Amino acid sequence: MAVWIHDEGMAQGSRSRQEDDYGVFELPPELGAGDLLLVLADGMGGEQGGARASALAVQSFIGTYDTVSAATIPERLGRTLTQVNAQMALEAATDPEELNGMGCTLLAVVLAEEGLYWISVGDSPLWLWRRGRLHRLNQDHAYRSILARQVSIGEISAEAAARHPDRNALMSAVTGDDLDLVDLPHQAYTLRRSDQILLASDGVLTLDEQEIAAVLADRRVDGTPCQSLLAAVAAHGRPQQDNITVLWARSAACSPNGSWWRRWWELLSEG
């Protein structure tokens, strides 16, 4: 069983209510389904629905994950999501008028000895920080991903994509209806000793990836990078700042304060 260090943080931004939610759960070794489960949801659906949806998704996912029957971690993640989506449908049906449009994004990550597993619906990003660079691992289920593809093949300009009124519209979300898009790799993503993992709601996108990578590279905030990320977002002073949630983890086997020769040897061995 691997040991993981993790950190969490939330901010409401300029919104009148907090519609993000998250949970972190250390998995029992006897389950044989990973070491650490991190879940993040970003709600939508108006004054009543958004916060209710994200809280339901997180609580239901954590409560269900260790009870479903599954042969592999990806299968367990998929079956858990199915049950969470069914719970969302039941909840929305209790008050159709007030909870119309209720739903959320959902990102769940399992850290295990063999690496990283995830399942995601929506646009909440999952990043890998490796040797100073940030790499997005999961799919973006917002329309901006389609626009980015159109820009890459020359169909539209980057300026037109940036101005598109539907660029942030979700193409998939946990609403109780059929899930249009689900990102669920069926193999573990292998991690290296110095890797860091970051889950976030899209409110963190006030920062670009270079800014996020710089915070994670700063040794002065090792162990507590989430508050530094929230402070960096706040420093931008964005008048319509969205809710922000960030979850961070790395292996406890990696010590940034270790001797210089050990860090040098690890860099060589990582290639």
Protein backbone atom coordinates (compact mmCIF):
# COMPACT_ATOMS: atom_id res chain seq x y z
CA MET A 1 0.00 0.00 0.00
CA ALA A 2 1.44 3.35 -1.06
CA VAL A 3 1.24 6.43 1.16
CA TRP A 4 0.00 9.70 -0.32
CA ILE A 5 0.20 13.31 0.82
CA HIS A 6 -2.79 15.43 -0.15
CA ASP A 7 -4.15 18.96 0.21
CA GLU A 8 -7.54 20.55 -0.50
CA GLY A 9 -8.95 24.07 -0.80
CA MET A 10 -12.11 25.95 -1.83
CA ALA A 11 -13.12 29.56 -2.50
CA GLN A 12 -16.47 31.05 -3.48
CA GLY A 13 -15.09 33.73 -5.76
CA SER A 14 -17.64 36.43 -6.50
CA ARG A 15 -20.59 34.04 -6.67
CA SER A 16 -23.55 34.32 -4.28
CA ARG A 17 -23.40 30.61 -3.43
CA GLN A 18 -20.90 27.74 -3.40
CA GLU A 19 -21.84 25.10 -5.97
CA ASP A 20 -18.64 23.03 -5.81
CA ASP A 21 -18.17 20.07 -3.48
CA TYR A 22 -15.42 17.52 -2.88
CA GLY A 23 -14.40 14.56 -0.76
CA VAL A 24 -11.19 12.67 -0.02
CA PHE A 25 -11.38 9.11 1.32
CA GLU A 26 -8.56 6.78 2.37
CA LEU A 27 -9.59 3.39 1.04
CA PRO A 28 -9.44 0.30 3.28
CA PRO A 29 -6.55 -1.99 2.27
CA GLU A 30 -8.77 -5.07 2.38
CA LEU A 31 -10.88 -3.65 -0.46
CA GLY A 32 -7.99 -4.04 -2.90
CA ALA A 33 -9.27 -1.12 -4.97
CA GLY A 34 -6.65 1.57 -4.48
CA ASP A 35 -5.25 3.66 -1.64
CA LEU A 36 -6.86 7.10 -1.94
CA LEU A 37 -10.11 8.28 -3.56
CA LEU A 38 -10.55 11.95 -4.48
CA VAL A 39 -13.89 13.22 -5.81
CA LEU A 40 -14.79 16.69 -7.09
CA ALA A 41 -18.08 18.01 -8.47
CA ASP A 42 -19.09 21.39 -9.90
CA GLY A 43 -22.84 21.95 -9.69
CA MET A 44 -25.30 23.50 -12.11
CA GLY A 45 -29.04 24.03 -12.11
CA GLY A 46 -29.90 27.30 -10.45
CA GLU A 47 -30.17 28.45 -6.87
CA GLN A 48 -31.42 25.14 -5.49
CA GLY A 49 -30.04 22.55 -7.87
CA GLY A 50 -26.32 23.24 -8.26
CA ALA A 51 -25.16 22.90 -4.67
CA ARG A 52 -27.56 20.03 -4.05
CA ALA A 53 -26.33 18.15 -7.11
CA SER A 54 -22.63 18.47 -6.31
CA ALA A 55 -23.12 17.44 -2.66
CA LEU A 56 -25.21 14.45 -3.69
CA ALA A 57 -22.69 13.35 -6.31
CA VAL A 58 -19.70 13.49 -3.96
CA GLN A 59 -21.43 11.83 -1.02
CA SER A 60 -23.01 9.16 -3.18
CA PHE A 61 -19.78 8.39 -5.04
CA ILE A 62 -17.73 7.98 -1.85
CA GLY A 63 -20.50 5.98 -0.17
CA THR A 64 -20.94 3.66 -3.15
CA TYR A 65 -17.36 3.05 -4.33
CA ASP A 66 -16.45 0.45 -1.70
CA THR A 67 -19.81 -1.35 -1.86
CA VAL A 68 -20.17 -2.16 -5.57
CA SER A 69 -19.04 -5.49 -6.94
CA ALA A 70 -16.25 -5.18 -9.53
CA ALA A 71 -13.20 -7.09 -10.72
CA THR A 72 -11.08 -4.02 -11.53
CA ILE A 73 -10.77 -0.40 -10.41
CA PRO A 74 -12.04 1.01 -13.75
CA GLU A 75 -15.05 -1.30 -13.57
CA ARG A 76 -15.69 -0.15 -9.99
CA LEU A 77 -15.46 3.51 -11.05
CA GLY A 78 -17.88 2.96 -13.92
CA ARG A 79 -20.45 1.11 -11.81
CA THR A 80 -20.20 3.73 -9.08
CA LEU A 81 -20.88 6.52 -11.58
CA THR A 82 -23.92 4.63 -12.89
CA GLN A 83 -25.38 4.48 -9.39
CA VAL A 84 -24.59 8.14 -8.71
CA ASN A 85 -26.37 9.13 -11.93
CA ALA A 86 -29.39 7.06 -10.93
CA GLN A 87 -29.45 8.80 -7.53
CA MET A 88 -29.35 12.16 -9.31
CA ALA A 89 -32.46 11.21 -11.30
CA LEU A 90 -34.31 10.18 -8.15
CA GLU A 91 -33.35 13.41 -6.37
CA ALA A 92 -34.43 15.64 -9.27
CA ALA A 93 -37.78 13.83 -9.40
CA THR A 94 -38.58 14.83 -5.80
CA ASP A 95 -39.15 18.45 -6.86
CA PRO A 96 -39.29 18.76 -10.67
CA GLU A 97 -40.13 22.45 -10.63
CA GLU A 98 -37.34 23.64 -8.32
CA LEU A 99 -34.73 21.09 -9.42
CA ASN A 100 -35.21 21.36 -13.18
CA GLY A 101 -31.76 21.26 -14.81
CA MET A 102 -30.07 19.95 -11.67
CA GLY A 103 -26.70 18.30 -12.31
CA CYS A 104 -22.95 18.59 -12.01
CA THR A 105 -19.61 17.71 -13.45
CA LEU A 106 -17.88 14.83 -11.70
CA LEU A 107 -14.21 13.90 -11.49
CA ALA A 108 -13.09 10.93 -9.40
CA VAL A 109 -9.48 9.81 -9.06
CA VAL A 110 -8.07 6.68 -7.43
CA LEU A 111 -4.41 6.60 -6.48
CA ALA A 112 -2.98 3.10 -6.23
CA GLU A 113 0.38 1.34 -6.03
CA GLU A 114 0.36 0.78 -9.80
CA GLY A 115 -0.61 4.35 -10.69
CA LEU A 116 -3.56 6.64 -11.31
CA TYR A 117 -7.11 5.82 -12.37
CA TRP A 118 -9.90 8.28 -13.10
CA ILE A 119 -13.43 8.74 -14.36
CA SER A 120 -14.81 12.11 -15.40
CA VAL A 121 -17.91 13.71 -16.86
CA GLY A 122 -17.88 17.41 -17.74
CA ASP A 123 -15.07 19.94 -17.82
CA SER A 124 -13.39 19.71 -14.39
CA PRO A 125 -9.70 19.27 -15.25
CA LEU A 126 -7.28 16.61 -14.02
CA TRP A 127 -3.64 17.57 -14.41
CA LEU A 128 -0.32 15.82 -13.99
CA TRP A 129 2.62 17.99 -12.96
CA ARG A 130 5.88 16.36 -14.08
CA ARG A 131 9.32 17.95 -14.06
CA GLY A 132 7.99 21.49 -14.15
CA ARG A 133 5.30 21.02 -16.80
CA LEU A 134 1.55 20.59 -16.53
CA HIS A 135 -0.24 17.96 -18.62
CA ARG A 136 -4.02 17.61 -18.77
CA LEU A 137 -4.99 13.94 -18.48
CA ASN A 138 -8.77 13.83 -18.81
CA GLN A 139 -11.04 14.87 -21.64
CA ASP A 140 -12.72 18.28 -21.67
CA HIS A 141 -16.45 17.77 -22.24
CA ALA A 142 -17.11 21.47 -22.90
CA TYR A 143 -17.77 22.87 -26.38
CA ARG A 144 -14.44 24.71 -26.25
CA SER A 145 -12.74 21.36 -26.96
CA ILE A 146 -14.61 21.20 -30.30
CA LEU A 147 -13.64 24.80 -31.02
CA ALA A 148 -9.99 24.03 -30.24
CA ARG A 149 -10.06 21.19 -32.77
CA GLN A 150 -11.57 23.50 -35.37
CA VAL A 151 -8.83 26.05 -34.72
CA SER A 152 -6.14 23.36 -35.10
CA ILE A 153 -7.38 22.39 -38.57
CA GLY A 154 -7.95 25.97 -39.67
CA GLU A 155 -11.76 25.98 -39.79
CA ILE A 156 -12.04 28.99 -37.48
CA SER A 157 -9.63 31.49 -35.95
CA ALA A 158 -8.44 31.41 -32.36
CA GLU A 159 -10.07 34.81 -31.87
CA ALA A 160 -13.45 33.51 -33.06
CA ALA A 161 -13.16 30.49 -30.77
CA ALA A 162 -12.37 32.71 -27.78
CA ARG A 163 -15.46 34.84 -28.49
CA HIS A 164 -17.86 31.97 -29.20
CA PRO A 165 -20.92 32.34 -26.92
CA ASP A 166 -21.18 28.58 -26.30
CA ARG A 167 -17.50 27.86 -25.68
CA ASN A 168 -18.11 26.93 -22.02
CA ALA A 169 -21.30 24.93 -22.62
CA LEU A 170 -21.11 21.37 -21.28
CA MET A 171 -21.60 18.50 -23.70
CA SER A 172 -21.95 15.97 -20.86
CA ALA A 173 -22.89 16.19 -17.17
CA VAL A 174 -24.31 14.03 -14.38
CA THR A 175 -28.01 14.93 -14.51
CA GLY A 176 -29.79 11.58 -14.16
CA ASP A 177 -30.24 11.33 -17.94
CA ASP A 178 -28.10 9.17 -20.21
CA LEU A 179 -24.42 10.11 -19.91
CA ASP A 180 -23.37 11.34 -23.33
CA LEU A 181 -19.61 11.36 -22.70
CA VAL A 182 -17.61 9.57 -20.00
CA ASP A 183 -13.82 9.55 -19.78
CA LEU A 184 -12.77 6.22 -18.23
CA PRO A 185 -9.34 4.78 -19.13
CA HIS A 186 -9.11 1.05 -18.53
CA GLN A 187 -5.43 0.96 -17.57
CA ALA A 188 -3.57 2.70 -14.74
CA TYR A 189 -1.57 5.78 -15.67
CA THR A 190 1.93 5.11 -14.36
CA LEU A 191 3.27 7.74 -11.98
CA ARG A 192 6.87 8.71 -11.29
CA ARG A 193 8.26 9.54 -7.88
CA SER A 194 8.22 13.32 -8.29
CA ASP A 195 4.80 13.58 -9.98
CA GLN A 196 2.02 15.74 -8.57
CA ILE A 197 -1.70 15.37 -9.30
CA LEU A 198 -4.17 18.26 -9.38
CA LEU A 199 -7.98 18.08 -9.66
CA ALA A 200 -9.93 21.33 -10.03
CA SER A 201 -13.25 22.91 -10.87
CA ASP A 202 -13.13 25.20 -13.88
CA GLY A 203 -12.92 28.30 -11.68
CA VAL A 204 -9.17 27.69 -11.50
CA LEU A 205 -8.91 28.43 -15.24
CA THR A 206 -8.48 32.09 -14.33
CA LEU A 207 -4.87 30.89 -14.15
CA ASP A 208 -3.16 29.56 -17.25
CA GLU A 209 -1.24 26.29 -17.12
CA GLN A 210 2.12 28.04 -16.77
CA GLU A 211 0.90 29.86 -13.67
CA ILE A 212 -0.45 26.66 -12.15
CA ALA A 213 2.78 24.79 -12.92
CA ALA A 214 4.83 27.56 -11.29
CA VAL A 215 2.86 27.24 -8.03
CA LEU A 216 3.34 23.46 -7.98
CA ALA A 217 7.06 23.88 -8.65
CA ASP A 218 7.52 26.26 -5.70
CA ARG A 219 9.21 24.28 -2.92
CA ARG A 220 8.10 26.84 -0.34
CA VAL A 221 4.49 25.64 -0.64
CA ASP A 222 5.22 21.90 -0.64
CA GLY A 223 2.41 20.06 1.14
CA THR A 224 0.03 23.06 1.00
CA PRO A 225 -0.16 24.16 -2.65
CA CYS A 226 -3.94 24.55 -2.74
CA GLN A 227 -4.01 27.74 -0.68
CA SER A 228 -1.29 29.16 -2.92
CA LEU A 229 -3.39 28.36 -6.01
CA LEU A 230 -6.46 30.01 -4.46
CA ALA A 231 -4.38 33.08 -3.58
CA ALA A 232 -3.08 33.26 -7.16
CA VAL A 233 -6.64 33.16 -8.51
CA ALA A 234 -7.74 35.88 -6.05
CA ALA A 235 -4.77 38.06 -7.08
CA HIS A 236 -6.23 38.33 -10.60
CA GLY A 237 -9.22 40.19 -9.13
CA ARG A 238 -11.62 38.84 -11.73
CA PRO A 239 -15.04 40.52 -11.17
CA GLN A 240 -17.05 37.43 -12.20
CA GLN A 241 -14.81 34.83 -10.58
CA ASP A 242 -16.43 31.40 -10.44
CA ASN A 243 -16.31 29.02 -7.46
CA ILE A 244 -12.90 27.33 -7.17
CA THR A 245 -12.02 23.94 -5.72
CA VAL A 246 -8.58 22.33 -5.93
CA LEU A 247 -7.41 18.91 -4.73
CA TRP A 248 -3.72 17.97 -4.83
CA ALA A 249 -1.78 14.80 -4.12
CA ARG A 250 1.66 13.29 -4.48
CA SER A 251 3.45 10.20 -3.26
CA ALA A 252 4.89 10.46 0.25
CA ALA A 253 7.94 8.60 -1.11
CA CYS A 254 8.98 11.78 -2.91
CA SER A 255 10.75 14.20 -0.60
CA PRO A 256 11.54 17.57 -2.21
CA ASN A 257 13.89 18.31 0.69
CA GLY A 258 15.97 15.23 0.06
CA SER A 259 19.64 15.39 -0.83
CA TRP A 260 20.67 16.86 -4.16
CA TRP A 261 22.28 13.64 -5.36
CA ARG A 262 19.09 11.65 -4.74
CA ARG A 263 17.02 14.13 -6.76
CA TRP A 264 19.64 14.08 -9.54
CA TRP A 265 19.58 10.27 -9.64
CA GLU A 266 15.75 10.21 -9.77
CA LEU A 267 15.74 12.62 -12.70
CA LEU A 268 18.17 10.39 -14.59
CA SER A 269 16.19 7.25 -13.83
CA GLU A 270 12.92 8.91 -14.96
CA GLY A 271 14.46 9.62 -18.36
